[in-house]
Amino acid sequence: MPSEPVATAREKFACPACGGEAQWNPAKQALVCPYCGTVSPAELAVRDDATVIVEHDLVAALRAIPDSERGWRAEKISVQCQSCRAISVFDPAKISKNCEFCGSTALVPYEQVKDAFRPESLLPLKIAESQARDLIRAWYTRQWLAPNGFARRALTDTLKGLYLPYWTFDASVFARWTAESGEYYYVRRNNRTERRVRWSPASGELTHWFDDELVCASAGVHAGLLRKVEPFPTSTLVPYDPGYLSGWTVERYQIDLVTAAQRSRQQMDAAVRAMCGRQVPGDTYRNLVVHPTYTNQTFKHILAPVWLVTYTYHGRSYQVVVNGVTGAIAGERPWSWIKIALLVLLALVVVVAVASLGE
């Protein structure tokens, strides 16, 4: 990584009209003053034909991460939620009284031994708040197995725009595999047709390039929901610029590089095994053994935007997540066991009716 020194002074994006601090506006894709509406003339980093998003050697980074690559290049204050354990990074004048992820008021200052590993690229927030609200309202109306009144009682006014930490990993893999390939054949026995398998040895090899395998380093948003709204279009990453974060909350990574690399390798191993399995000829296979070798392993630390709703229904907390670039949505909701029971009962009635007609 480059050895650029990290600035310690707070970076401001002053409004030229009233002096207020401009914020990134996803609807206008520009820095806009929230007080007077003036669009800031400040130029932010953009992606063009000359843009290079740097990838870093994974093996070398795991051995030593230099202090020069830590920090946010702007003055920030970190707080940790004692409920969900998320670490949020704020501008000093805009510290929230509630956790952006779960709504808890149990926030305490988070003292770091060293500043956070600095992201070098990010995806600017593109989905405006109005668009996110429309997507979420539409999602509520589709949850017809939720209790009556669910959409009205969910706290949609807690919509928050957040930047989440991600690690991305690249690698080239060469894998050899062996397995037993099975072909189905059929025999008649006791007036019945039985399916049997004829086994034979098989082997092969493959090469594959993994590009930007994502590992989210967030603790504040449920991992299962994020998987459903991924992928993020990492081909549109822009160089890190604090201006895109102005006015927004950023979560500090809580899965470090070592742990993230291990998770990425597990994801890659599973994908390689599945690809090898598809190469085995025949109708089925067993005893698949894969020997992968990984080379050209690189990584980067990025920020990706989401809209998050944390709402409470009958004392329990739920989340709805919107991908801040693509608009993909996923959420949690309570179930109406009465509706489910009625649905099961209706299915049974249909089955009985169909059986009666067949007699």
Protein backbone atom coordinates (compact mmCIF):
# COMPACT_ATOMS: atom_id res chain seq x y z
CA MET A 1 0.00 0.00 0.00
CA PRO A 2 1.17 3.60 -0.56
CA SER A 3 2.92 5.39 2.27
CA GLU A 4 0.88 8.58 2.07
CA PRO A 5 0.77 10.31 5.50
CA VAL A 6 -2.61 10.43 7.21
CA ALA A 7 -3.97 13.92 7.82
CA THR A 8 -4.98 14.74 11.39
CA ALA A 9 -6.97 17.94 10.77
CA ARG A 10 -10.71 17.68 10.33
CA GLU A 11 -11.63 17.82 6.66
CA LYS A 12 -14.47 20.27 5.94
CA PHE A 13 -16.67 20.70 2.91
CA ALA A 14 -17.93 24.20 3.55
CA CYS A 15 -20.97 25.57 1.72
CA PRO A 16 -19.89 28.62 -0.34
CA ALA A 17 -23.21 30.35 0.39
CA CYS A 18 -23.87 29.96 4.13
CA GLY A 19 -20.73 28.29 5.45
CA GLY A 20 -22.53 25.14 6.57
CA GLU A 21 -20.99 21.73 6.01
CA ALA A 22 -22.12 20.14 2.76
CA GLN A 23 -23.24 16.51 2.77
CA TRP A 24 -23.23 13.85 0.08
CA ASN A 25 -26.64 13.82 -1.60
CA PRO A 26 -27.36 10.52 -3.41
CA ALA A 27 -30.27 12.00 -5.37
CA LYS A 28 -28.08 14.75 -6.88
CA GLN A 29 -24.84 12.76 -6.74
CA ALA A 30 -23.12 15.83 -5.34
CA LEU A 31 -22.21 17.56 -2.08
CA VAL A 32 -25.21 19.66 -1.06
CA CYS A 33 -25.66 22.00 1.90
CA PRO A 34 -28.52 20.64 4.06
CA TYR A 35 -29.32 24.18 5.28
CA CYS A 36 -29.60 26.25 2.11
CA GLY A 37 -29.53 23.62 -0.63
CA THR A 38 -26.45 24.99 -2.37
CA VAL A 39 -24.48 22.47 -4.40
CA SER A 40 -20.83 22.55 -3.34
CA PRO A 41 -18.21 23.15 -6.03
CA ALA A 42 -15.84 20.74 -4.26
CA GLU A 43 -14.55 18.08 -6.62
CA LEU A 44 -14.64 14.49 -5.40
CA ALA A 45 -12.72 11.50 -6.66
CA VAL A 46 -14.44 9.87 -9.62
CA ARG A 47 -13.90 6.79 -11.72
CA ASP A 48 -12.71 7.23 -15.30
CA ASP A 49 -10.60 5.33 -17.81
CA ALA A 50 -7.44 6.23 -15.91
CA THR A 51 -8.72 5.11 -12.49
CA VAL A 52 -6.75 2.32 -10.86
CA ILE A 53 -8.25 0.60 -7.83
CA VAL A 54 -5.21 -0.83 -6.11
CA GLU A 55 -5.11 -4.48 -5.11
CA HIS A 56 -2.68 -5.49 -2.37
CA ASP A 57 -0.67 -8.65 -1.93
CA LEU A 58 -2.50 -10.73 0.65
CA VAL A 59 0.41 -12.81 1.90
CA ALA A 60 2.61 -9.76 2.46
CA ALA A 61 -0.21 -7.87 4.20
CA LEU A 62 -0.93 -10.71 6.58
CA ARG A 63 2.66 -10.59 7.71
CA ALA A 64 2.70 -6.86 8.45
CA ILE A 65 0.21 -4.02 8.10
CA PRO A 66 2.05 -0.64 8.32
CA ASP A 67 0.64 2.10 10.53
CA SER A 68 0.70 4.48 7.55
CA GLU A 69 -2.33 2.65 6.14
CA ARG A 70 -4.54 3.30 9.14
CA GLY A 71 -6.93 6.18 9.76
CA TRP A 72 -9.75 8.00 7.95
CA ARG A 73 -7.92 11.10 6.56
CA ALA A 74 -10.46 13.19 8.51
CA GLU A 75 -11.17 13.70 12.19
CA LYS A 76 -13.59 11.06 13.43
CA ILE A 77 -15.03 9.83 16.72
CA SER A 78 -15.90 6.17 17.27
CA VAL A 79 -18.57 4.79 19.62
CA GLN A 80 -19.50 1.20 20.32
CA CYS A 81 -23.01 -0.06 20.99
CA GLN A 82 -23.18 -2.20 24.11
CA SER A 83 -26.19 -4.03 22.69
CA CYS A 84 -25.25 -5.14 19.14
CA ARG A 85 -21.49 -4.33 19.50
CA ALA A 86 -21.38 -2.31 16.27
CA ILE A 87 -18.66 0.36 16.12
CA SER A 88 -19.88 3.53 14.38
CA VAL A 89 -17.61 6.31 13.11
CA PHE A 90 -19.04 9.85 13.17
CA ASP A 91 -17.98 13.38 12.43
CA PRO A 92 -17.27 14.94 15.85
CA ALA A 93 -20.28 17.29 15.71
CA LYS A 94 -22.77 14.62 14.64
CA ILE A 95 -22.57 11.84 17.19
CA SER A 96 -25.91 10.03 17.38
CA LYS A 97 -27.63 9.37 20.71
CA ASN A 98 -28.88 6.03 19.45
CA CYS A 99 -27.15 3.14 17.72
CA GLU A 100 -27.71 3.41 13.97
CA PHE A 101 -28.08 -0.37 13.75
CA CYS A 102 -30.31 -1.48 16.63
CA GLY A 103 -31.57 1.80 18.16
CA SER A 104 -30.02 1.20 21.58
CA THR A 105 -28.94 4.22 23.64
CA ALA A 106 -26.11 2.25 25.27
CA LEU A 107 -23.26 3.92 23.37
CA VAL A 108 -19.80 4.29 24.85
CA PRO A 109 -16.60 5.82 23.40
CA TYR A 110 -14.50 3.29 21.55
CA GLU A 111 -10.81 3.72 22.22
CA GLN A 112 -8.60 2.09 19.60
CA VAL A 113 -5.05 1.05 20.16
CA LYS A 114 -4.46 2.05 16.53
CA ASP A 115 -6.67 3.81 14.01
CA ALA A 116 -8.75 1.70 11.68
CA PHE A 117 -7.21 0.19 8.55
CA ARG A 118 -7.97 2.82 5.93
CA PRO A 119 -10.34 2.01 3.04
CA GLU A 120 -8.84 3.07 -0.29
CA SER A 121 -11.97 2.85 -2.41
CA LEU A 122 -15.73 3.00 -1.97
CA LEU A 123 -19.08 2.84 -3.73
CA PRO A 124 -20.94 6.17 -3.48
CA LEU A 125 -24.50 5.99 -2.20
CA LYS A 126 -26.80 6.19 -5.25
CA ILE A 127 -30.25 5.23 -3.94
CA ALA A 128 -31.93 8.35 -2.53
CA GLU A 129 -33.85 8.18 0.74
CA SER A 130 -37.18 8.60 -1.06
CA GLN A 131 -36.38 5.64 -3.31
CA ALA A 132 -35.36 3.53 -0.34
CA ARG A 133 -38.60 4.34 1.49
CA ASP A 134 -40.64 3.36 -1.57
CA LEU A 135 -38.78 0.06 -1.83
CA ILE A 136 -39.31 -0.67 1.85
CA ARG A 137 -43.02 0.23 1.78
CA ALA A 138 -43.48 -2.09 -1.19
CA TRP A 139 -41.60 -4.82 0.69
CA TYR A 140 -43.95 -4.45 3.67
CA THR A 141 -47.01 -4.93 1.49
CA ARG A 142 -45.61 -8.22 0.13
CA GLN A 143 -45.32 -9.80 3.57
CA TRP A 144 -48.81 -11.30 3.55
CA LEU A 145 -47.93 -13.97 6.14
CA ALA A 146 -47.01 -11.24 8.63
CA PRO A 147 -49.53 -10.20 11.32
CA ASN A 148 -52.31 -7.79 10.39
CA GLY A 149 -51.19 -4.19 10.84
CA PHE A 150 -47.53 -5.15 10.50
CA ALA A 151 -46.76 -2.52 7.84
CA ARG A 152 -48.46 0.24 9.84
CA ARG A 153 -46.78 -0.58 13.14
CA ALA A 154 -43.23 -1.08 11.87
CA LEU A 155 -41.11 1.98 12.63
CA THR A 156 -40.21 3.08 9.10
CA ASP A 157 -39.04 6.48 10.37
CA THR A 158 -35.80 4.87 11.60
CA LEU A 159 -34.38 4.65 8.06
CA LYS A 160 -30.61 5.21 8.15
CA GLY A 161 -28.02 5.55 5.41
CA LEU A 162 -24.80 3.76 6.32
CA TYR A 163 -21.46 2.81 4.83
CA LEU A 164 -20.44 -0.73 5.74
CA PRO A 165 -16.89 -2.11 5.74
CA TYR A 166 -16.05 -4.88 3.28
CA TRP A 167 -12.95 -6.82 2.37
CA THR A 168 -12.62 -8.09 -1.21
CA PHE A 169 -10.33 -10.92 -2.27
CA ASP A 170 -8.94 -12.04 -5.61
CA ALA A 171 -7.14 -15.29 -6.34
CA SER A 172 -6.19 -17.63 -9.14
CA VAL A 173 -6.84 -21.29 -8.35
CA PHE A 174 -5.66 -24.47 -10.03
CA ALA A 175 -7.34 -27.62 -8.73
CA ARG A 176 -7.00 -31.33 -9.41
CA TRP A 177 -9.80 -33.63 -8.39
CA THR A 178 -10.60 -37.33 -8.17
CA ALA A 179 -13.95 -38.99 -7.61
CA GLU A 180 -16.07 -42.02 -8.37
CA SER A 181 -18.45 -41.34 -11.21
CA GLY A 182 -21.81 -43.08 -11.12
CA GLU A 183 -24.08 -43.99 -14.01
CA TYR A 184 -27.62 -45.11 -13.39
CA TYR A 185 -28.95 -48.34 -14.84
CA TYR A 186 -32.18 -50.20 -14.17
CA VAL A 187 -33.08 -53.83 -13.53
CA ARG A 188 -36.38 -55.65 -13.09
CA ARG A 189 -36.71 -57.58 -9.88
CA ASN A 190 -39.84 -59.07 -8.37
CA ASN A 191 -41.96 -57.19 -10.89
CA ARG A 192 -40.37 -53.91 -9.84
CA THR A 193 -37.90 -51.64 -11.61
CA GLU A 194 -34.91 -50.86 -9.42
CA ARG A 195 -32.37 -48.15 -10.07
CA ARG A 196 -28.75 -49.07 -9.50
CA VAL A 197 -25.43 -47.26 -9.94
CA ARG A 198 -22.38 -48.39 -11.87
CA TRP A 199 -19.28 -46.76 -10.33
CA SER A 200 -16.04 -45.96 -12.13
CA PRO A 201 -12.99 -43.81 -11.29
CA ALA A 202 -12.81 -40.25 -12.66
CA SER A 203 -10.38 -37.36 -12.41
CA GLY A 204 -9.82 -33.92 -13.82
CA GLU A 205 -8.55 -30.42 -13.23
CA LEU A 206 -9.71 -26.83 -13.53
CA THR A 207 -8.46 -23.27 -13.35
CA HIS A 208 -10.56 -20.36 -12.14
CA TRP A 209 -10.11 -16.68 -11.30
CA PHE A 210 -11.93 -15.30 -8.26
CA ASP A 211 -12.53 -11.57 -8.61
CA ASP A 212 -13.68 -9.43 -5.68
CA GLU A 213 -15.03 -12.15 -3.43
CA LEU A 214 -16.86 -10.12 -0.78
CA VAL A 215 -16.52 -10.58 2.98
CA CYS A 216 -18.52 -8.10 5.02
CA ALA A 217 -16.79 -6.86 8.17
CA SER A 218 -19.95 -5.45 9.77
CA ALA A 219 -21.32 -6.46 13.15
CA GLY A 220 -24.32 -4.13 13.05
CA VAL A 221 -26.24 -5.61 10.09
CA HIS A 222 -27.32 -9.23 10.02
CA ALA A 223 -25.04 -11.21 7.72
CA GLY A 224 -27.86 -13.23 6.19
CA LEU A 225 -29.64 -10.09 5.02
CA LEU A 226 -26.48 -8.67 3.47
CA ARG A 227 -25.91 -11.88 1.51
CA LYS A 228 -29.38 -11.45 0.02
CA VAL A 229 -28.74 -7.88 -1.19
CA GLU A 230 -25.25 -8.61 -2.52
CA PRO A 231 -23.39 -8.37 -4.80
CA PHE A 232 -22.22 -4.78 -4.84
CA PRO A 233 -20.96 -3.60 -8.25
CA THR A 234 -17.27 -3.39 -7.34
CA SER A 235 -16.41 -2.63 -10.97
CA THR A 236 -17.70 0.91 -10.27
CA LEU A 237 -15.53 1.58 -7.20
CA VAL A 238 -14.07 5.08 -6.91
CA PRO A 239 -10.93 6.08 -4.98
CA TYR A 240 -11.61 6.83 -1.31
CA ASP A 241 -12.74 10.41 -0.77
CA PRO A 242 -14.09 11.64 2.62
CA GLY A 243 -16.58 13.83 0.76
CA TYR A 244 -18.76 10.81 -0.08
CA LEU A 245 -19.02 10.07 3.65
CA SER A 246 -19.89 13.61 4.68
CA GLY A 247 -23.14 13.53 6.62
CA TRP A 248 -23.29 9.72 6.80
CA THR A 249 -22.41 7.13 9.41
CA VAL A 250 -19.58 4.70 8.72
CA GLU A 251 -19.17 1.41 10.54
CA ARG A 252 -15.64 0.45 11.48
CA TYR A 253 -14.64 -3.05 10.43
CA GLN A 254 -14.91 -5.66 13.18
CA ILE A 255 -13.71 -8.63 11.18
CA ASP A 256 -9.98 -8.16 10.72
CA LEU A 257 -7.99 -9.05 7.64
CA VAL A 258 -6.83 -12.41 8.97
CA THR A 259 -10.35 -13.59 9.82
CA ALA A 260 -11.78 -12.18 6.59
CA ALA A 261 -9.09 -13.96 4.54
CA GLN A 262 -9.98 -17.24 6.26
CA ARG A 263 -13.67 -16.75 5.46
CA SER A 264 -12.89 -15.86 1.88
CA ARG A 265 -10.81 -19.02 1.51
CA GLN A 266 -13.70 -21.08 2.87
CA GLN A 267 -16.03 -19.47 0.32
CA MET A 268 -13.56 -20.12 -2.49
CA ASP A 269 -12.97 -23.73 -1.39
CA ALA A 270 -16.70 -24.38 -1.41
CA ALA A 271 -17.05 -22.80 -4.86
CA VAL A 272 -14.11 -24.79 -6.25
CA ARG A 273 -15.53 -28.02 -4.86
CA ALA A 274 -18.88 -27.28 -6.49
CA MET A 275 -17.20 -26.55 -9.84
CA CYS A 276 -15.21 -29.79 -9.65
CA GLY A 277 -18.37 -31.68 -8.79
CA ARG A 278 -20.00 -30.35 -11.95
CA GLN A 279 -17.07 -31.69 -13.98
CA VAL A 280 -17.53 -35.27 -12.80
CA PRO A 281 -19.15 -37.21 -15.64
CA GLY A 282 -22.15 -39.45 -15.27
CA ASP A 283 -25.36 -39.11 -13.30
CA THR A 284 -23.94 -38.82 -9.79
CA TYR A 285 -20.66 -39.02 -7.91
CA ARG A 286 -19.13 -39.86 -4.56
CA ASN A 287 -15.81 -39.57 -2.72
CA LEU A 288 -14.89 -36.30 -4.38
CA VAL A 289 -11.40 -35.17 -3.34
CA VAL A 290 -10.16 -31.72 -4.42
CA HIS A 291 -6.60 -30.41 -4.20
CA PRO A 292 -6.64 -26.62 -4.88
CA THR A 293 -3.59 -24.38 -5.18
CA TYR A 294 -4.10 -20.61 -4.83
CA THR A 295 -1.82 -17.98 -6.35
CA ASN A 296 -1.93 -14.24 -7.13
CA GLN A 297 -3.87 -13.58 -3.94
CA THR A 298 -4.80 -9.93 -3.45
CA PHE A 299 -7.24 -7.92 -1.37
CA LYS A 300 -8.59 -4.45 -0.70
CA HIS A 301 -10.67 -2.75 1.98
CA ILE A 302 -13.73 -0.88 0.68
CA LEU A 303 -16.89 0.81 1.92
CA ALA A 304 -20.32 -0.08 0.53
CA PRO A 305 -23.56 1.85 1.23
CA VAL A 306 -26.85 0.48 2.50
CA TRP A 307 -30.13 1.85 3.80
CA LEU A 308 -31.17 0.20 7.04
CA VAL A 309 -34.46 0.08 8.90
CA THR A 310 -34.40 -1.28 12.43
CA TYR A 311 -37.95 -1.61 13.72
CA THR A 312 -39.53 -3.13 16.79
CA TYR A 313 -42.64 -5.30 16.69
CA HIS A 314 -44.06 -6.67 19.94
CA GLY A 315 -40.79 -6.03 21.74
CA ARG A 316 -38.53 -7.77 19.22
CA SER A 317 -36.08 -6.01 16.88
CA TYR A 318 -36.04 -6.66 13.12
CA GLN A 319 -33.99 -5.28 10.23
CA VAL A 320 -34.67 -4.43 6.59
CA VAL A 321 -31.68 -3.69 4.33
CA VAL A 322 -31.55 -1.96 0.94
CA ASN A 323 -28.43 -2.09 -1.21
CA GLY A 324 -27.50 1.59 -1.56
CA VAL A 325 -26.24 1.11 -5.13
CA THR A 326 -28.51 -1.48 -6.77
CA GLY A 327 -31.70 -1.17 -4.69
CA ALA A 328 -31.83 -4.89 -3.86
CA ILE A 329 -33.83 -5.43 -0.65
CA ALA A 330 -34.08 -8.08 2.05
CA GLY A 331 -35.68 -8.03 5.46
CA GLU A 332 -36.88 -9.81 8.55
CA ARG A 333 -40.48 -9.83 9.66
CA PRO A 334 -42.67 -11.47 12.30
CA TRP A 335 -44.89 -14.38 11.31
CA SER A 336 -48.62 -14.69 11.85
CA TRP A 337 -49.02 -18.25 13.07
CA ILE A 338 -52.78 -17.89 12.67
CA LYS A 339 -52.35 -17.16 8.95
CA ILE A 340 -49.88 -20.01 8.60
CA ALA A 341 -52.26 -22.42 10.35
CA LEU A 342 -55.12 -21.31 8.11
CA LEU A 343 -52.92 -21.78 5.04
CA VAL A 344 -51.99 -25.31 6.12
CA LEU A 345 -55.63 -26.08 6.84
CA LEU A 346 -56.62 -24.79 3.40
CA ALA A 347 -53.96 -26.97 1.78
CA LEU A 348 -55.30 -30.01 3.63
CA VAL A 349 -58.84 -29.22 2.50
CA VAL A 350 -57.66 -28.98 -1.12
CA VAL A 351 -55.81 -32.31 -0.84
CA VAL A 352 -58.89 -34.03 0.63
CA ALA A 353 -61.12 -32.50 -2.04
CA VAL A 354 -58.85 -33.64 -4.87
CA ALA A 355 -58.66 -37.14 -3.36
CA SER A 356 -62.45 -37.29 -3.08
CA LEU A 357 -62.88 -36.32 -6.75
CA GLY A 358 -60.50 -39.11 -7.75
CA GLU A 359 -62.56 -41.85 -6.07
